[in-house]
PDB file of N, CA and C in Angstrom:
ATOM      1  N   UNK A   1     103.949 124.872  67.607  1.00  0.00           N
ATOM      2  CA  UNK A   1     102.675 125.214  67.198  1.00  0.00           C
ATOM      3  C   UNK A   1     101.818 124.003  67.744  1.00  0.00           C
ATOM      4  N   UNK A   2     100.886 124.373  68.423  1.00  0.00           N
ATOM      5  CA  UNK A   2      99.812 123.471  69.080  1.00  0.00           C
ATOM      6  C   UNK A   2      98.898 122.965  67.843  1.00  0.00           C
ATOM      7  N   UNK A   3      98.379 121.854  68.096  1.00  0.00           N
ATOM      8  CA  UNK A   3      97.239 121.318  67.218  1.00  0.00           C
ATOM      9  C   UNK A   3      96.388 120.457  67.897  1.00  0.00           C
ATOM     10  N   UNK A   4      95.229 120.102  67.393  1.00  0.00           N
ATOM     11  CA  UNK A   4      94.394 119.112  68.101  1.00  0.00           C
ATOM     12  C   UNK A   4      94.721 117.593  67.711  1.00  0.00           C
ATOM     13  N   UNK A   5      95.086 117.063  68.933  1.00  0.00           N
ATOM     14  CA  UNK A   5      95.842 115.533  68.832  1.00  0.00           C
ATOM     15  C   UNK A   5      94.482 114.478  68.382  1.00  0.00           C
ATOM     16  N   UNK A   6      94.382 113.568  67.715  1.00  0.00           N
ATOM     17  CA  UNK A   6      93.438 112.844  67.418  1.00  0.00           C
ATOM     18  C   UNK A   6      93.818 111.324  67.768  1.00  0.00           C
ATOM     19  N   UNK A   7      95.036 111.103  68.063  1.00  0.00           N
ATOM     20  CA  UNK A   7      95.476 109.727  68.277  1.00  0.00           C
ATOM     21  C   UNK A   7      96.559 109.813  69.632  1.00  0.00           C
ATOM     22  N   UNK A   8      96.479 108.949  70.694  1.00  0.00           N
ATOM     23  CA  UNK A   8      97.332 109.045  71.532  1.00  0.00           C
ATOM     24  C   UNK A   8      97.197 110.045  72.844  1.00  0.00           C
ATOM     25  N   UNK A   9      97.827 109.796  73.769  1.00  0.00           N
ATOM     26  CA  UNK A   9      97.790 110.805  74.845  1.00  0.00           C
ATOM     27  C   UNK A   9      98.198 112.320  74.353  1.00  0.00           C
ATOM     28  N   UNK A  10      97.521 113.172  75.090  1.00  0.00           N
ATOM     29  CA  UNK A  10      97.653 114.377  74.862  1.00  0.00           C
ATOM     30  C   UNK A  10      98.960 115.106  75.862  1.00  0.00           C
ATOM     31  N   UNK A  11      99.405 116.369  75.492  1.00  0.00           N
ATOM     32  CA  UNK A  11     100.511 117.008  76.382  1.00  0.00           C
ATOM     33  C   UNK A  11     100.051 118.498  76.356  1.00  0.00           C
ATOM     34  N   UNK A  12     100.037 119.138  77.417  1.00  0.00           N
ATOM     35  CA  UNK A  12      99.747 120.888  77.207  1.00  0.00           C
ATOM     36  C   UNK A  12     100.535 121.640  76.279  1.00  0.00           C
ATOM     37  N   UNK A  13     101.966 121.075  76.030  1.00  0.00           N
ATOM     38  CA  UNK A  13     102.664 121.975  75.256  1.00  0.00           C
ATOM     39  C   UNK A  13     102.413 121.868  73.756  1.00  0.00           C
ATOM     40  N   UNK A  14     102.184 120.728  73.572  1.00  0.00           N
ATOM     41  CA  UNK A  14     101.716 120.347  72.001  1.00  0.00           C
ATOM     42  C   UNK A  14     100.374 120.479  71.460  1.00  0.00           C
ATOM     43  N   UNK A  15      99.389 120.364  72.224  1.00  0.00           N
ATOM     44  CA  UNK A  15      98.089 119.827  72.093  1.00  0.00           C
ATOM     45  C   UNK A  15      97.078 120.992  72.799  1.00  0.00           C
ATOM     46  N   UNK A  16      96.143 121.104  71.973  1.00  0.00           N
ATOM     47  CA  UNK A  16      94.842 121.767  72.357  1.00  0.00           C
ATOM     48  C   UNK A  16      94.318 120.938  73.263  1.00  0.00           C
ATOM     49  N   UNK A  17      93.805 121.059  74.398  1.00  0.00           N
ATOM     50  CA  UNK A  17      93.045 120.161  75.200  1.00  0.00           C
ATOM     51  C   UNK A  17      92.439 120.752  76.167  1.00  0.00           C
ATOM     52  N   UNK A  18      91.312 120.253  76.884  1.00  0.00           N
ATOM     53  CA  UNK A  18      90.503 120.794  78.242  1.00  0.00           C
ATOM     54  C   UNK A  18      91.486 120.026  79.086  1.00  0.00           C
ATOM     55  N   UNK A  19      91.603 120.939  80.326  1.00  0.00           N
ATOM     56  CA  UNK A  19      92.537 120.538  81.265  1.00  0.00           C
ATOM     57  C   UNK A  19      91.916 118.968  82.048  1.00  0.00           C
ATOM     58  N   UNK A  20      92.692 118.159  82.099  1.00  0.00           N
ATOM     59  CA  UNK A  20      92.344 116.656  82.546  1.00  0.00           C
ATOM     60  C   UNK A  20      91.558 116.532  83.868  1.00  0.00           C
ATOM     61  N   UNK A  21      92.094 117.481  84.597  1.00  0.00           N
ATOM     62  CA  UNK A  21      92.009 117.454  85.949  1.00  0.00           C
ATOM     63  C   UNK A  21      90.625 117.739  86.273  1.00  0.00           C
ATOM     64  N   UNK A  22      90.034 118.737  85.462  1.00  0.00           N
ATOM     65  CA  UNK A  22      88.680 119.192  85.546  1.00  0.00           C
ATOM     66  C   UNK A  22      87.521 118.259  85.155  1.00  0.00           C
ATOM     67  N   UNK A  23      87.783 116.751  84.514  1.00  0.00           N
ATOM     68  CA  UNK A  23      86.841 116.010  83.954  1.00  0.00           C
ATOM     69  C   UNK A  23      86.391 115.180  84.893  1.00  0.00           C
ATOM     70  N   UNK A  24      87.047 114.678  86.130  1.00  0.00           N
ATOM     71  CA  UNK A  24      86.882 113.719  86.928  1.00  0.00           C
ATOM     72  C   UNK A  24      87.122 114.274  88.147  1.00  0.00           C
ATOM     73  N   UNK A  25      86.027 114.345  88.947  1.00  0.00           N
ATOM     74  CA  UNK A  25      85.996 114.873  90.329  1.00  0.00           C
ATOM     75  C   UNK A  25      86.041 113.638  91.197  1.00  0.00           C
ATOM     76  N   UNK A  26      86.697 113.872  92.356  1.00  0.00           N
ATOM     77  CA  UNK A  26      86.584 112.878  93.431  1.00  0.00           C
ATOM     78  C   UNK A  26      87.722 112.004  93.387  1.00  0.00           C
ATOM     79  N   UNK A  27      88.349 111.441  92.216  1.00  0.00           N
ATOM     80  CA  UNK A  27      89.346 110.271  92.319  1.00  0.00           C
ATOM     81  C   UNK A  27      90.447 110.573  93.409  1.00  0.00           C
ATOM     82  N   UNK A  28      90.770 111.647  93.472  1.00  0.00           N
ATOM     83  CA  UNK A  28      92.173 111.843  94.446  1.00  0.00           C
ATOM     84  C   UNK A  28      91.522 111.780  95.716  1.00  0.00           C
ATOM     85  N   UNK A  29      90.356 111.700  96.167  1.00  0.00           N
ATOM     86  CA  UNK A  29      89.898 111.561  97.320  1.00  0.00           C
ATOM     87  C   UNK A  29      89.735 109.878  97.569  1.00  0.00           C
ATOM     88  N   UNK A  30      89.377 109.374  96.488  1.00  0.00           N
ATOM     89  CA  UNK A  30      89.067 107.863  96.501  1.00  0.00           C
ATOM     90  C   UNK A  30      90.455 107.225  96.811  1.00  0.00           C
ATOM     91  N   UNK A  31      91.629 107.628  96.132  1.00  0.00           N
ATOM     92  CA  UNK A  31      92.799 107.196  96.326  1.00  0.00           C
ATOM     93  C   UNK A  31      93.427 107.368  97.889  1.00  0.00           C
ATOM     94  N   UNK A  32      93.116 108.529  98.466  1.00  0.00           N
ATOM     95  CA  UNK A  32      93.402 109.088  99.726  1.00  0.00           C
ATOM     96  C   UNK A  32      92.658 108.000 100.690  1.00  0.00           C
ATOM     97  N   UNK A  33      91.465 107.700 100.490  1.00  0.00           N
ATOM     98  CA  UNK A  33      90.727 106.774 101.199  1.00  0.00           C
ATOM     99  C   UNK A  33      91.165 105.237 101.016  1.00  0.00           C
ATOM    100  N   UNK A  34      91.939 104.806  99.811  1.00  0.00           N
ATOM    101  CA  UNK A  34      92.606 103.611  99.600  1.00  0.00           C
ATOM    102  C   UNK A  34      91.222 102.729  98.898  1.00  0.00           C
ATOM    103  N   UNK A  35      90.499 103.425  98.114  1.00  0.00           N
ATOM    104  CA  UNK A  35      89.327 102.916  97.734  1.00  0.00           C
ATOM    105  C   UNK A  35      89.731 102.486  96.047  1.00  0.00           C
ATOM    106  N   UNK A  36      88.973 101.284  95.667  1.00  0.00           N
ATOM    107  CA  UNK A  36      89.029 101.235  94.156  1.00  0.00           C
ATOM    108  C   UNK A  36      88.292 102.109  93.361  1.00  0.00           C
ATOM    109  N   UNK A  37      88.601 102.301  92.319  1.00  0.00           N
ATOM    110  CA  UNK A  37      87.784 103.171  91.165  1.00  0.00           C
ATOM    111  C   UNK A  37      87.982 102.498  89.939  1.00  0.00           C
ATOM    112  N   UNK A  38      87.135 102.732  89.106  1.00  0.00           N
ATOM    113  CA  UNK A  38      87.329 102.311  87.333  1.00  0.00           C
ATOM    114  C   UNK A  38      87.068 103.436  86.529  1.00  0.00           C
ATOM    115  N   UNK A  39      87.897 103.878  85.698  1.00  0.00           N
ATOM    116  CA  UNK A  39      87.636 104.929  84.700  1.00  0.00           C
ATOM    117  C   UNK A  39      87.311 104.213  83.627  1.00  0.00           C
ATOM    118  N   UNK A  40      86.292 104.229  82.805  1.00  0.00           N
ATOM    119  CA  UNK A  40      85.676 103.500  81.657  1.00  0.00           C
ATOM    120  C   UNK A  40      85.030 104.489  80.679  1.00  0.00           C
ATOM    121  N   UNK A  41      85.690 104.633  79.594  1.00  0.00           N
ATOM    122  CA  UNK A  41      85.159 105.398  78.472  1.00  0.00           C
ATOM    123  C   UNK A  41      85.505 105.016  77.199  1.00  0.00           C
ATOM    124  N   UNK A  42      84.923 105.536  76.149  1.00  0.00           N
ATOM    125  CA  UNK A  42      85.353 105.317  74.665  1.00  0.00           C
ATOM    126  C   UNK A  42      86.472 105.481  74.435  1.00  0.00           C
ATOM    127  N   UNK A  43      87.112 105.111  73.312  1.00  0.00           N
ATOM    128  CA  UNK A  43      88.439 105.164  72.737  1.00  0.00           C
ATOM    129  C   UNK A  43      88.477 106.890  72.392  1.00  0.00           C
ATOM    130  N   UNK A  44      89.741 107.444  72.748  1.00  0.00           N
ATOM    131  CA  UNK A  44      89.966 108.675  72.144  1.00  0.00           C
ATOM    132  C   UNK A  44      89.180 109.851  72.968  1.00  0.00           C
ATOM    133  N   UNK A  45      88.796 109.264  74.234  1.00  0.00           N
ATOM    134  CA  UNK A  45      88.182 110.256  75.162  1.00  0.00           C
ATOM    135  C   UNK A  45      88.965 110.967  76.122  1.00  0.00           C
ATOM    136  N   UNK A  46      90.208 110.396  76.166  1.00  0.00           N
ATOM    137  CA  UNK A  46      90.990 111.117  77.235  1.00  0.00           C
ATOM    138  C   UNK A  46      91.581 110.109  78.402  1.00  0.00           C
ATOM    139  N   UNK A  47      91.199 108.898  78.361  1.00  0.00           N
ATOM    140  CA  UNK A  47      91.401 108.269  79.632  1.00  0.00           C
ATOM    141  C   UNK A  47      92.753 108.531  80.019  1.00  0.00           C
ATOM    142  N   UNK A  48      93.826 108.039  79.084  1.00  0.00           N
ATOM    143  CA  UNK A  48      95.232 107.848  79.144  1.00  0.00           C
ATOM    144  C   UNK A  48      95.851 109.212  79.813  1.00  0.00           C
ATOM    145  N   UNK A  49      95.432 110.127  78.955  1.00  0.00           N
ATOM    146  CA  UNK A  49      95.974 111.546  79.472  1.00  0.00           C
ATOM    147  C   UNK A  49      95.292 111.886  80.853  1.00  0.00           C
ATOM    148  N   UNK A  50      94.168 111.687  81.040  1.00  0.00           N
ATOM    149  CA  UNK A  50      93.813 111.888  82.562  1.00  0.00           C
ATOM    150  C   UNK A  50      94.674 111.158  83.466  1.00  0.00           C
ATOM    151  N   UNK A  51      94.934 109.757  83.441  1.00  0.00           N
ATOM    152  CA  UNK A  51      95.626 108.993  84.138  1.00  0.00           C
ATOM    153  C   UNK A  51      97.315 109.393  84.430  1.00  0.00           C
ATOM    154  N   UNK A  52      97.693 110.264  83.082  1.00  0.00           N
ATOM    155  CA  UNK A  52      99.102 110.569  83.374  1.00  0.00           C
ATOM    156  C   UNK A  52      99.259 111.762  84.184  1.00  0.00           C
ATOM    157  N   UNK A  53      98.100 112.705  83.698  1.00  0.00           N
ATOM    158  CA  UNK A  53      97.969 114.053  84.624  1.00  0.00           C
ATOM    159  C   UNK A  53      97.758 113.609  86.120  1.00  0.00           C
ATOM    160  N   UNK A  54      96.954 112.457  86.368  1.00  0.00           N
ATOM    161  CA  UNK A  54      96.532 112.306  87.932  1.00  0.00           C
ATOM    162  C   UNK A  54      97.907 111.730  88.310  1.00  0.00           C
ATOM    163  N   UNK A  55      98.776 111.046  87.691  1.00  0.00           N
ATOM    164  CA  UNK A  55     100.054 110.491  88.346  1.00  0.00           C
ATOM    165  C   UNK A  55     100.834 111.341  88.570  1.00  0.00           C
ATOM    166  N   UNK A  56     100.884 112.395  87.732  1.00  0.00           N
ATOM    167  CA  UNK A  56     102.011 113.756  87.981  1.00  0.00           C
ATOM    168  C   UNK A  56     101.289 114.781  88.978  1.00  0.00           C
ATOM    169  N   UNK A  57     100.297 114.793  89.295  1.00  0.00           N
ATOM    170  CA  UNK A  57      99.551 115.506  90.464  1.00  0.00           C
ATOM    171  C   UNK A  57      99.874 114.842  91.855  1.00  0.00           C
ATOM    172  N   UNK A  58      99.760 113.489  91.914  1.00  0.00           N
ATOM    173  CA  UNK A  58      99.940 112.720  92.855  1.00  0.00           C
ATOM    174  C   UNK A  58     101.284 112.754  93.423  1.00  0.00           C
ATOM    175  N   UNK A  59     102.228 112.641  92.450  1.00  0.00           N
ATOM    176  CA  UNK A  59     103.674 112.675  92.777  1.00  0.00           C
ATOM    177  C   UNK A  59     104.200 114.182  93.187  1.00  0.00           C
ATOM    178  N   UNK A  60     103.439 115.089  92.928  1.00  0.00           N
ATOM    179  CA  UNK A  60     104.113 116.511  92.760  1.00  0.00           C
ATOM    180  C   UNK A  60     104.492 117.016  94.519  1.00  0.00           C
ATOM    181  N   UNK A  61     103.532 116.228  95.347  1.00  0.00           N
ATOM    182  CA  UNK A  61     103.861 116.824  96.598  1.00  0.00           C
ATOM    183  C   UNK A  61     104.806 116.113  97.405  1.00  0.00           C
ATOM    184  N   UNK A  62     105.226 114.951  97.150  1.00  0.00           N
ATOM    185  CA  UNK A  62     106.015 113.884  97.707  1.00  0.00           C
ATOM    186  C   UNK A  62     105.254 112.991  98.686  1.00  0.00           C
ATOM    187  N   UNK A  63     103.954 113.246  98.833  1.00  0.00           N
ATOM    188  CA  UNK A  63     103.343 112.223  99.991  1.00  0.00           C
ATOM    189  C   UNK A  63     103.737 110.783  99.358  1.00  0.00           C
ATOM    190  N   UNK A  64     103.378 110.650  98.304  1.00  0.00           N
ATOM    191  CA  UNK A  64     103.288 109.392  97.875  1.00  0.00           C
ATOM    192  C   UNK A  64     104.744 108.631  97.617  1.00  0.00           C
ATOM    193  N   UNK A  65     105.580 109.489  97.498  1.00  0.00           N
ATOM    194  CA  UNK A  65     107.064 109.208  97.677  1.00  0.00           C
ATOM    195  C   UNK A  65     107.701 108.574  99.060  1.00  0.00           C
ATOM    196  N   UNK A  66     106.986 109.388 100.037  1.00  0.00           N
ATOM    197  CA  UNK A  66     107.342 108.834 101.313  1.00  0.00           C
ATOM    198  C   UNK A  66     106.665 107.598 101.393  1.00  0.00           C
ATOM    199  N   UNK A  67     105.449 107.287 101.256  1.00  0.00           N
ATOM    200  CA  UNK A  67     104.567 106.016 101.473  1.00  0.00           C
ATOM    201  C   UNK A  67     105.575 105.091 100.772  1.00  0.00           C
ATOM    202  N   UNK A  68     106.015 105.386  99.565  1.00  0.00           N
ATOM    203  CA  UNK A  68     106.828 104.094  98.637  1.00  0.00           C
ATOM    204  C   UNK A  68     108.175 103.719  99.574  1.00  0.00           C
ATOM    205  N   UNK A  69     108.684 104.531 100.187  1.00  0.00           N
ATOM    206  CA  UNK A  69     109.900 104.636 100.909  1.00  0.00           C
ATOM    207  C   UNK A  69     109.495 103.695 102.073  1.00  0.00           C
ATOM    208  N   UNK A  70     108.319 103.948 102.955  1.00  0.00           N
ATOM    209  CA  UNK A  70     107.744 103.150 103.973  1.00  0.00           C
ATOM    210  C   UNK A  70     107.387 101.647 103.460  1.00  0.00           C
ATOM    211  N   UNK A  71     106.959 101.570 102.138  1.00  0.00           N
ATOM    212  CA  UNK A  71     106.246 100.277 101.747  1.00  0.00           C
ATOM    213  C   UNK A  71     107.702  99.371 101.474  1.00  0.00           C
ATOM    214  N   UNK A  72     108.752  99.972 100.645  1.00  0.00           N
ATOM    215  CA  UNK A  72     109.988  99.340 100.482  1.00  0.00           C
ATOM    216  C   UNK A  72     110.837  98.967 102.036  1.00  0.00           C
ATOM    217  N   UNK A  73     110.646  99.830 102.995  1.00  0.00           N
ATOM    218  CA  UNK A  73     111.100  99.306 104.401  1.00  0.00           C
ATOM    219  C   UNK A  73     110.550  98.157 104.929  1.00  0.00           C
ATOM    220  N   UNK A  74     109.171  98.155 104.699  1.00  0.00           N
ATOM    221  CA  UNK A  74     108.618  96.836 105.245  1.00  0.00           C
ATOM    222  C   UNK A  74     108.712  95.737 104.412  1.00  0.00           C
ATOM    223  N   UNK A  75     109.006  95.835 103.210  1.00  0.00           N
ATOM    224  CA  UNK A  75     109.474  94.425 102.263  1.00  0.00           C
ATOM    225  C   UNK A  75     110.977  93.906 102.705  1.00  0.00           C
ATOM    226  N   UNK A  76     111.789  95.237 103.207  1.00  0.00           N
ATOM    227  CA  UNK A  76     113.208  94.972 103.464  1.00  0.00           C
ATOM    228  C   UNK A  76     113.150  94.174 104.858  1.00  0.00           C
ATOM    229  N   UNK A  77     112.458  94.582 105.657  1.00  0.00           N
ATOM    230  CA  UNK A  77     112.206  94.005 106.563  1.00  0.00           C
ATOM    231  C   UNK A  77     111.555  92.518 107.017  1.00  0.00           C
ATOM    232  N   UNK A  78     110.742  92.493 106.079  1.00  0.00           N
ATOM    233  CA  UNK A  78     110.110  91.093 105.946  1.00  0.00           C
ATOM    234  C   UNK A  78     111.517  89.935 105.685  1.00  0.00           C
ATOM    235  N   UNK A  79     112.437  90.465 104.794  1.00  0.00           N
ATOM    236  CA  UNK A  79     113.594  89.521 104.520  1.00  0.00           C
ATOM    237  C   UNK A  79     114.530  89.649 105.529  1.00  0.00           C
ATOM    238  N   UNK A  80     114.584  90.254 106.557  1.00  0.00           N
ATOM    239  CA  UNK A  80     115.585  90.456 107.760  1.00  0.00           C
ATOM    240  C   UNK A  80     116.618  91.142 107.125  1.00  0.00           C
ATOM    241  N   UNK A  81     116.609  92.337 106.238  1.00  0.00           N
ATOM    242  CA  UNK A  81     117.926  92.933 105.905  1.00  0.00           C
ATOM    243  C   UNK A  81     117.634  94.469 106.172  1.00  0.00           C
ATOM    244  N   UNK A  82     118.684  95.140 106.360  1.00  0.00           N
ATOM    245  CA  UNK A  82     118.495  96.657 106.642  1.00  0.00           C
ATOM    246  C   UNK A  82     118.659  97.790 105.626  1.00  0.00           C
ATOM    247  N   UNK A  83     118.550  97.019 104.465  1.00  0.00           N
ATOM    248  CA  UNK A  83     118.865  97.659 103.304  1.00  0.00           C
ATOM    249  C   UNK A  83     118.393  97.381 102.123  1.00  0.00           C
ATOM    250  N   UNK A  84     117.758  98.188 101.326  1.00  0.00           N
ATOM    251  CA  UNK A  84     116.996  97.871 100.234  1.00  0.00           C
ATOM    252  C   UNK A  84     117.039  98.895  98.946  1.00  0.00           C
ATOM    253  N   UNK A  85     116.638  98.377  97.976  1.00  0.00           N
ATOM    254  CA  UNK A  85     116.512  99.411  96.676  1.00  0.00           C
ATOM    255  C   UNK A  85     115.157  99.717  95.918  1.00  0.00           C
ATOM    256  N   UNK A  86     115.121 101.042  95.844  1.00  0.00           N
ATOM    257  CA  UNK A  86     113.627 101.409  94.957  1.00  0.00           C
ATOM    258  C   UNK A  86     114.201 102.101  93.696  1.00  0.00           C
ATOM    259  N   UNK A  87     113.402 101.610  92.749  1.00  0.00           N
ATOM    260  CA  UNK A  87     113.742 102.423  91.564  1.00  0.00           C
ATOM    261  C   UNK A  87     112.501 103.164  91.103  1.00  0.00           C
ATOM    262  N   UNK A  88     112.372 104.483  90.786  1.00  0.00           N
ATOM    263  CA  UNK A  88     111.313 105.155  90.353  1.00  0.00           C
ATOM    264  C   UNK A  88     111.448 105.794  89.307  1.00  0.00           C
ATOM    265  N   UNK A  89     110.132 105.407  88.136  1.00  0.00           N
ATOM    266  CA  UNK A  89     110.190 106.014  86.652  1.00  0.00           C
ATOM    267  C   UNK A  89     109.623 107.148  86.441  1.00  0.00           C
ATOM    268  N   UNK A  90     110.290 108.309  86.298  1.00  0.00           N
ATOM    269  CA  UNK A  90     109.773 109.488  86.137  1.00  0.00           C
ATOM    270  C   UNK A  90     109.362 109.622  84.899  1.00  0.00           C
ATOM    271  N   UNK A  91     108.022 109.976  84.324  1.00  0.00           N
ATOM    272  CA  UNK A  91     107.410 109.867  82.989  1.00  0.00           C
ATOM    273  C   UNK A  91     106.862 111.298  82.804  1.00  0.00           C
ATOM    274  N   UNK A  92     107.154 112.296  83.907  1.00  0.00           N
ATOM    275  CA  UNK A  92     106.888 113.869  83.638  1.00  0.00           C
ATOM    276  C   UNK A  92     107.376 114.515  82.412  1.00  0.00           C
ATOM    277  N   UNK A  93     106.709 115.493  81.840  1.00  0.00           N
ATOM    278  CA  UNK A  93     107.246 115.862  80.744  1.00  0.00           C
ATOM    279  C   UNK A  93     107.566 117.459  81.206  1.00  0.00           C
ATOM    280  N   UNK A  94     108.366 118.324  80.541  1.00  0.00           N
ATOM    281  CA  UNK A  94     108.832 119.251  80.738  1.00  0.00           C
ATOM    282  C   UNK A  94     109.764 119.581  81.849  1.00  0.00           C
ATOM    283  N   UNK A  95     110.537 118.725  82.455  1.00  0.00           N
ATOM    284  CA  UNK A  95     111.617 118.424  83.329  1.00  0.00           C
ATOM    285  C   UNK A  95     112.780 117.791  82.713  1.00  0.00           C
ATOM    286  N   UNK A  96     114.286 118.312  82.982  1.00  0.00           N
ATOM    287  CA  UNK A  96     115.023 117.610  82.177  1.00  0.00           C
ATOM    288  C   UNK A  96     115.492 116.341  82.739  1.00  0.00           C
ATOM    289  N   UNK A  97     116.367 115.690  82.227  1.00  0.00           N
ATOM    290  CA  UNK A  97     117.027 114.368  82.347  1.00  0.00           C
ATOM    291  C   UNK A  97     117.775 114.344  83.790  1.00  0.00           C
ATOM    292  N   UNK A  98     118.304 115.566  83.788  1.00  0.00           N
ATOM    293  CA  UNK A  98     119.439 115.909  85.094  1.00  0.00           C
ATOM    294  C   UNK A  98     118.348 115.609  86.226  1.00  0.00           C
ATOM    295  N   UNK A  99     117.076 116.141  86.282  1.00  0.00           N
ATOM    296  CA  UNK A  99     116.205 116.327  87.310  1.00  0.00           C
ATOM    297  C   UNK A  99     115.630 114.630  87.460  1.00  0.00           C
ATOM    298  N   UNK A 100     115.499 113.980  86.496  1.00  0.00           N
ATOM    299  CA  UNK A 100     114.799 112.725  86.294  1.00  0.00           C
ATOM    300  C   UNK A 100     115.820 111.583  86.915  1.00  0.00           C
ATOM    301  N   UNK A 101     117.040 111.976  86.623  1.00  0.00           N
ATOM    302  CA  UNK A 101     117.826 110.841  86.802  1.00  0.00           C
ATOM    303  C   UNK A 101     118.598 111.244  88.167  1.00  0.00           C
ATOM    304  N   UNK A 102     118.752 110.204  89.115  1.00  0.00           N
ATOM    305  CA  UNK A 102     119.206 110.571  90.544  1.00  0.00           C
ATOM    306  C   UNK A 102     119.830 109.134  91.197  1.00  0.00           C
ATOM    307  N   UNK A 103     120.528 109.373  92.356  1.00  0.00           N
ATOM    308  CA  UNK A 103     120.650 108.258  93.005  1.00  0.00           C
ATOM    309  C   UNK A 103     120.909 108.848  94.462  1.00  0.00           C
ATOM    310  N   UNK A 104     120.086 108.637  95.432  1.00  0.00           N
ATOM    311  CA  UNK A 104     120.429 108.899  96.665  1.00  0.00           C
ATOM    312  C   UNK A 104     119.977 107.922  97.938  1.00  0.00           C
ATOM    313  N   UNK A 105     120.281 108.083  99.141  1.00  0.00           N
ATOM    314  CA  UNK A 105     119.970 107.274 100.219  1.00  0.00           C
ATOM    315  C   UNK A 105     118.804 107.859 100.969  1.00  0.00           C
ATOM    316  N   UNK A 106     117.766 107.271 101.549  1.00  0.00           N
ATOM    317  CA  UNK A 106     117.013 107.436 102.434  1.00  0.00           C
ATOM    318  C   UNK A 106     117.059 106.772 103.554  1.00  0.00           C
ATOM    319  N   UNK A 107     116.590 107.133 104.863  1.00  0.00           N
ATOM    320  CA  UNK A 107     116.650 106.333 106.180  1.00  0.00           C
ATOM    321  C   UNK A 107     115.251 106.230 106.460  1.00  0.00           C
ATOM    322  N   UNK A 108     114.787 105.062 106.714  1.00  0.00           N
ATOM    323  CA  UNK A 108     113.296 104.873 107.107  1.00  0.00           C
ATOM    324  C   UNK A 108     113.456 104.070 108.482  1.00  0.00           C
ATOM    325  N   UNK A 109     113.293 104.422 109.198  1.00  0.00           N
ATOM    326  CA  UNK A 109     113.584 103.976 110.736  1.00  0.00           C
ATOM    327  C   UNK A 109     114.437 102.834 111.119  1.00  0.00           C
ATOM    328  N   UNK A 110     115.699 103.505 110.542  1.00  0.00           N
ATOM    329  CA  UNK A 110     116.931 102.545 110.708  1.00  0.00           C
ATOM    330  C   UNK A 110     117.155 101.538 109.543  1.00  0.00           C
ATOM    331  N   UNK A 111     116.268 101.519 108.343  1.00  0.00           N
ATOM    332  CA  UNK A 111     116.709 100.811 107.248  1.00  0.00           C
ATOM    333  C   UNK A 111     117.009 101.848 106.236  1.00  0.00           C
ATOM    334  N   UNK A 112     118.196 101.376 105.294  1.00  0.00           N
ATOM    335  CA  UNK A 112     118.470 102.237 104.338  1.00  0.00           C
ATOM    336  C   UNK A 112     117.897 102.074 102.986  1.00  0.00           C
ATOM    337  N   UNK A 113     117.299 102.706 102.277  1.00  0.00           N
ATOM    338  CA  UNK A 113     116.680 102.532 101.165  1.00  0.00           C
ATOM    339  C   UNK A 113     117.618 103.228  99.919  1.00  0.00           C
ATOM    340  N   UNK A 114     118.151 102.647  99.100  1.00  0.00           N
ATOM    341  CA  UNK A 114     118.714 103.106  97.972  1.00  0.00           C
ATOM    342  C   UNK A 114     117.893 103.764  96.762  1.00  0.00           C
ATOM    343  N   UNK A 115     117.440 105.094  96.613  1.00  0.00           N
ATOM    344  CA  UNK A 115     116.464 105.344  95.860  1.00  0.00           C
ATOM    345  C   UNK A 115     117.345 105.554  94.230  1.00  0.00           C
ATOM    346  N   UNK A 116     116.893 105.141  93.265  1.00  0.00           N
ATOM    347  CA  UNK A 116     117.419 105.485  92.031  1.00  0.00           C
ATOM    348  C   UNK A 116     116.085 106.141  90.855  1.00  0.00           C
ATOM    349  N   UNK A 117     116.443 107.342  90.536  1.00  0.00           N
ATOM    350  CA  UNK A 117     115.352 107.831  89.699  1.00  0.00           C
ATOM    351  C   UNK A 117     115.626 107.704  88.225  1.00  0.00           C
ATOM    352  N   UNK A 118     114.652 107.537  87.414  1.00  0.00           N
ATOM    353  CA  UNK A 118     115.115 107.165  86.056  1.00  0.00           C
ATOM    354  C   UNK A 118     114.170 107.982  85.034  1.00  0.00           C
TER     355      UNK A 118
END
């Protein structure tokens, strides 16, 4: 049974809420342009809920996953290695632990990145 949450982040399954993505327009474009932005609001106005929703939307299409792999490969290259590790913490709700926890290898221009999902 859903209810009106008055403390902490909201989630769609348990709480009545306004869709977080409709409240702030243009943030994703700022991120794509690599621009800084500030989200400033009063307590209990949905900032944490919005940021959690934003992170889930940004990670959904895999674009930022690829950028994370490329960044890890650049760090590995700085140290003269051909192998590195990347740990991703998945805080999405509504998916199973089996989907969140994994281990795989990715090849980025000859550099092996071991990716661990948590």
